[in-house]
Amino acid sequence: MRGRFAFFYFMKDVPEKIRDAAPRHSAYWKALNLDNYTGGPFTDRSGGLITFTADDIIAATELTMNDPFFVEDLLESKWIKEWAEKS
């Protein structure tokens, strides 16, 4: 059974690099066309939250590791957790 995952992340203090990478980050997640995808930045732009459906934690982790923010080493910290939705 597929699970719902939350990708919670905080950015490093490199605003110019983040502004440059943000369009690639957004395009990456939209192009995946994932089930139950939703996400966006925190209002203070310190990071963001993305939720989506994936086969398992390994698949979810692989998706986040291909995010341009991760690839370009712009994340201070990140967490990927399976989300127990209400039934």
N, C-alpha and C. Protein backbone atom coordinates (compact mmCIF):
# COMPACT_ATOMS: atom_id res chain seq x y z
N MET A 1 0.84 -1.19 0.00
CA MET A 1 0.00 0.00 0.00
C MET A 1 0.88 1.25 0.00
N ARG A 2 0.54 2.19 -0.83
CA ARG A 2 1.29 3.43 -0.92
C ARG A 2 1.05 4.28 0.33
N GLY A 3 2.03 5.08 0.69
CA GLY A 3 1.91 5.92 1.87
C GLY A 3 1.97 7.39 1.50
N ARG A 4 1.54 8.19 2.42
CA ARG A 4 1.61 9.65 2.27
C ARG A 4 2.81 10.11 3.08
N PHE A 5 3.63 10.96 2.48
CA PHE A 5 4.88 11.41 3.12
C PHE A 5 4.93 12.92 3.23
N ALA A 6 5.61 13.38 4.27
CA ALA A 6 5.85 14.80 4.48
C ALA A 6 7.35 15.04 4.39
N PHE A 7 7.73 16.00 3.57
CA PHE A 7 9.11 16.44 3.41
C PHE A 7 9.17 17.84 3.98
N PHE A 8 9.84 17.97 5.12
CA PHE A 8 9.93 19.21 5.88
C PHE A 8 11.38 19.65 5.84
N TYR A 9 11.64 20.87 5.43
CA TYR A 9 13.03 21.30 5.26
C TYR A 9 13.25 22.76 5.64
N PHE A 10 14.49 23.06 6.06
CA PHE A 10 14.94 24.42 6.34
C PHE A 10 16.11 24.74 5.44
N MET A 11 16.16 25.99 4.98
CA MET A 11 17.17 26.44 4.04
C MET A 11 18.42 26.98 4.75
N LYS A 12 19.55 26.89 4.07
CA LYS A 12 20.76 27.56 4.52
C LYS A 12 20.57 29.06 4.27
N ASP A 13 21.41 29.87 4.89
CA ASP A 13 21.33 31.33 4.74
C ASP A 13 22.12 31.78 3.51
N VAL A 14 21.59 31.43 2.35
CA VAL A 14 22.21 31.82 1.07
C VAL A 14 21.08 32.29 0.13
N PRO A 15 20.47 33.45 0.45
CA PRO A 15 19.26 33.86 -0.27
C PRO A 15 19.42 33.98 -1.78
N GLU A 16 20.54 34.44 -2.27
CA GLU A 16 20.70 34.58 -3.72
C GLU A 16 20.71 33.22 -4.41
N LYS A 17 21.40 32.24 -3.83
CA LYS A 17 21.42 30.89 -4.41
C LYS A 17 20.04 30.25 -4.36
N ILE A 18 19.31 30.51 -3.26
CA ILE A 18 17.96 29.95 -3.11
C ILE A 18 17.03 30.56 -4.15
N ARG A 19 17.09 31.88 -4.33
CA ARG A 19 16.25 32.54 -5.35
C ARG A 19 16.55 31.97 -6.73
N ASP A 20 17.81 31.70 -7.01
CA ASP A 20 18.20 31.15 -8.30
C ASP A 20 17.67 29.73 -8.49
N ALA A 21 17.69 28.92 -7.43
CA ALA A 21 17.28 27.51 -7.52
C ALA A 21 15.77 27.32 -7.38
N ALA A 22 15.06 28.27 -6.81
CA ALA A 22 13.63 28.10 -6.52
C ALA A 22 12.80 27.71 -7.74
N PRO A 23 13.00 28.32 -8.91
CA PRO A 23 12.20 27.88 -10.07
C PRO A 23 12.47 26.43 -10.47
N ARG A 24 13.70 25.97 -10.34
CA ARG A 24 14.02 24.57 -10.66
C ARG A 24 13.40 23.64 -9.63
N HIS A 25 13.42 24.03 -8.38
CA HIS A 25 12.80 23.26 -7.30
C HIS A 25 11.30 23.10 -7.56
N SER A 26 10.63 24.20 -7.84
CA SER A 26 9.20 24.17 -8.09
C SER A 26 8.87 23.33 -9.33
N ALA A 27 9.62 23.52 -10.40
CA ALA A 27 9.38 22.78 -11.64
C ALA A 27 9.62 21.28 -11.43
N TYR A 28 10.63 20.94 -10.64
CA TYR A 28 10.92 19.53 -10.36
C TYR A 28 9.71 18.84 -9.75
N TRP A 29 9.16 19.42 -8.69
CA TRP A 29 8.04 18.79 -7.99
C TRP A 29 6.78 18.75 -8.86
N LYS A 30 6.52 19.81 -9.60
CA LYS A 30 5.34 19.82 -10.47
C LYS A 30 5.46 18.78 -11.58
N ALA A 31 6.65 18.61 -12.13
CA ALA A 31 6.86 17.67 -13.24
C ALA A 31 6.68 16.21 -12.80
N LEU A 32 6.86 15.94 -11.52
CA LEU A 32 6.69 14.58 -11.02
C LEU A 32 5.24 14.12 -11.09
N ASN A 33 4.31 15.08 -11.05
CA ASN A 33 2.88 14.76 -11.13
C ASN A 33 2.49 13.69 -10.11
N LEU A 34 2.90 13.87 -8.87
CA LEU A 34 2.66 12.91 -7.80
C LEU A 34 1.23 12.96 -7.29
N ASP A 35 0.72 11.80 -6.88
CA ASP A 35 -0.59 11.75 -6.24
C ASP A 35 -0.54 12.52 -4.93
N ASN A 36 -1.60 13.25 -4.66
CA ASN A 36 -1.77 13.98 -3.40
C ASN A 36 -0.65 14.98 -3.11
N TYR A 37 -0.02 15.51 -4.15
CA TYR A 37 1.05 16.49 -3.95
C TYR A 37 0.47 17.82 -3.51
N THR A 38 1.09 18.40 -2.52
CA THR A 38 0.84 19.78 -2.13
C THR A 38 2.12 20.27 -1.46
N GLY A 39 2.38 21.54 -1.55
CA GLY A 39 3.59 22.04 -0.91
C GLY A 39 3.79 23.51 -1.16
N GLY A 40 4.77 24.03 -0.44
CA GLY A 40 5.12 25.44 -0.60
C GLY A 40 6.02 25.89 0.52
N PRO A 41 6.47 27.14 0.40
CA PRO A 41 7.39 27.69 1.40
C PRO A 41 6.66 28.18 2.65
N PHE A 42 7.41 28.31 3.74
CA PHE A 42 6.90 28.97 4.93
C PHE A 42 6.84 30.47 4.63
N THR A 43 6.01 31.20 5.31
CA THR A 43 5.85 32.63 5.02
C THR A 43 7.15 33.41 5.21
N ASP A 44 8.01 32.96 6.11
CA ASP A 44 9.29 33.66 6.31
C ASP A 44 10.39 33.17 5.37
N ARG A 45 10.04 32.25 4.48
CA ARG A 45 10.96 31.70 3.47
C ARG A 45 12.17 30.96 4.08
N SER A 46 12.04 30.50 5.31
CA SER A 46 13.13 29.76 5.96
C SER A 46 13.18 28.31 5.53
N GLY A 47 12.16 27.86 4.83
CA GLY A 47 12.08 26.47 4.39
C GLY A 47 10.70 26.21 3.84
N GLY A 48 10.29 24.94 3.87
CA GLY A 48 8.98 24.61 3.34
C GLY A 48 8.53 23.21 3.74
N LEU A 49 7.35 22.87 3.26
CA LEU A 49 6.75 21.57 3.53
C LEU A 49 6.11 21.07 2.25
N ILE A 50 6.39 19.82 1.91
CA ILE A 50 5.80 19.17 0.74
C ILE A 50 5.21 17.85 1.21
N THR A 51 4.00 17.56 0.77
CA THR A 51 3.41 16.25 1.05
C THR A 51 3.05 15.59 -0.27
N PHE A 52 3.18 14.26 -0.29
CA PHE A 52 2.94 13.51 -1.52
C PHE A 52 2.79 12.04 -1.20
N THR A 53 2.32 11.27 -2.17
CA THR A 53 2.17 9.83 -2.03
C THR A 53 3.31 9.14 -2.76
N ALA A 54 3.86 8.10 -2.13
CA ALA A 54 4.94 7.30 -2.74
C ALA A 54 4.78 5.85 -2.28
N ASP A 55 5.50 4.96 -2.96
CA ASP A 55 5.39 3.53 -2.64
C ASP A 55 5.88 3.20 -1.24
N ASP A 56 6.97 3.84 -0.82
CA ASP A 56 7.55 3.56 0.50
C ASP A 56 8.55 4.66 0.84
N ILE A 57 9.15 4.58 2.03
CA ILE A 57 10.09 5.60 2.49
C ILE A 57 11.31 5.68 1.58
N ILE A 58 11.72 4.57 0.99
CA ILE A 58 12.87 4.59 0.09
C ILE A 58 12.55 5.42 -1.15
N ALA A 59 11.40 5.19 -1.74
CA ALA A 59 11.00 5.96 -2.93
C ALA A 59 10.81 7.44 -2.58
N ALA A 60 10.23 7.71 -1.42
CA ALA A 60 10.04 9.10 -0.99
C ALA A 60 11.38 9.79 -0.80
N THR A 61 12.33 9.10 -0.20
CA THR A 61 13.66 9.67 0.03
C THR A 61 14.36 9.95 -1.29
N GLU A 62 14.25 9.04 -2.25
CA GLU A 62 14.87 9.26 -3.56
C GLU A 62 14.31 10.50 -4.23
N LEU A 63 13.01 10.71 -4.12
CA LEU A 63 12.41 11.91 -4.71
C LEU A 63 13.00 13.17 -4.09
N THR A 64 13.15 13.19 -2.78
CA THR A 64 13.66 14.39 -2.12
C THR A 64 15.15 14.61 -2.42
N MET A 65 15.88 13.52 -2.64
CA MET A 65 17.31 13.66 -2.92
C MET A 65 17.59 14.17 -4.34
N ASN A 66 16.57 14.16 -5.19
CA ASN A 66 16.71 14.73 -6.54
C ASN A 66 16.18 16.16 -6.63
N ASP A 67 15.66 16.67 -5.53
CA ASP A 67 15.19 18.05 -5.47
C ASP A 67 16.40 18.97 -5.68
N PRO A 68 16.28 19.97 -6.55
CA PRO A 68 17.39 20.90 -6.76
C PRO A 68 17.91 21.56 -5.48
N PHE A 69 17.04 21.82 -4.52
CA PHE A 69 17.52 22.39 -3.26
C PHE A 69 18.50 21.44 -2.56
N PHE A 70 18.23 20.14 -2.62
CA PHE A 70 19.13 19.16 -2.02
C PHE A 70 20.39 19.00 -2.87
N VAL A 71 20.20 18.81 -4.17
CA VAL A 71 21.32 18.59 -5.09
C VAL A 71 22.31 19.74 -5.04
N GLU A 72 21.80 20.96 -4.91
CA GLU A 72 22.67 22.14 -4.90
C GLU A 72 23.12 22.53 -3.48
N ASP A 73 22.90 21.64 -2.51
CA ASP A 73 23.36 21.81 -1.13
C ASP A 73 22.85 23.11 -0.49
N LEU A 74 21.56 23.36 -0.63
CA LEU A 74 20.96 24.57 -0.08
C LEU A 74 20.15 24.32 1.19
N LEU A 75 20.05 23.06 1.61
CA LEU A 75 19.25 22.72 2.79
C LEU A 75 20.11 22.64 4.05
N GLU A 76 19.67 23.34 5.08
CA GLU A 76 20.32 23.26 6.38
C GLU A 76 19.96 21.95 7.07
N SER A 77 18.67 21.59 6.97
CA SER A 77 18.19 20.33 7.55
C SER A 77 16.92 19.92 6.83
N LYS A 78 16.61 18.60 6.90
CA LYS A 78 15.41 18.09 6.26
C LYS A 78 14.96 16.83 6.98
N TRP A 79 13.67 16.55 6.87
CA TRP A 79 13.09 15.34 7.42
C TRP A 79 12.08 14.81 6.43
N ILE A 80 12.02 13.51 6.35
CA ILE A 80 11.00 12.84 5.55
C ILE A 80 10.32 11.85 6.49
N LYS A 81 9.03 12.01 6.65
CA LYS A 81 8.29 11.14 7.56
C LYS A 81 7.03 10.65 6.87
N GLU A 82 6.67 9.40 7.16
CA GLU A 82 5.38 8.91 6.66
C GLU A 82 4.29 9.49 7.54
N TRP A 83 3.23 9.91 6.88
CA TRP A 83 2.15 10.60 7.54
C TRP A 83 0.98 9.64 7.71
N ALA A 84 0.51 9.47 8.94
CA ALA A 84 -0.64 8.60 9.21
C ALA A 84 -1.91 9.44 9.07
N GLU A 85 -2.51 9.35 7.88
CA GLU A 85 -3.73 10.12 7.63
C GLU A 85 -4.91 9.50 8.36
N LYS A 86 -5.86 10.34 8.67
CA LYS A 86 -7.10 9.85 9.30
C LYS A 86 -7.84 8.98 8.30
N SER A 87 -8.44 7.92 8.79
CA SER A 87 -9.22 7.07 7.88
C SER A 87 -10.71 7.29 8.07
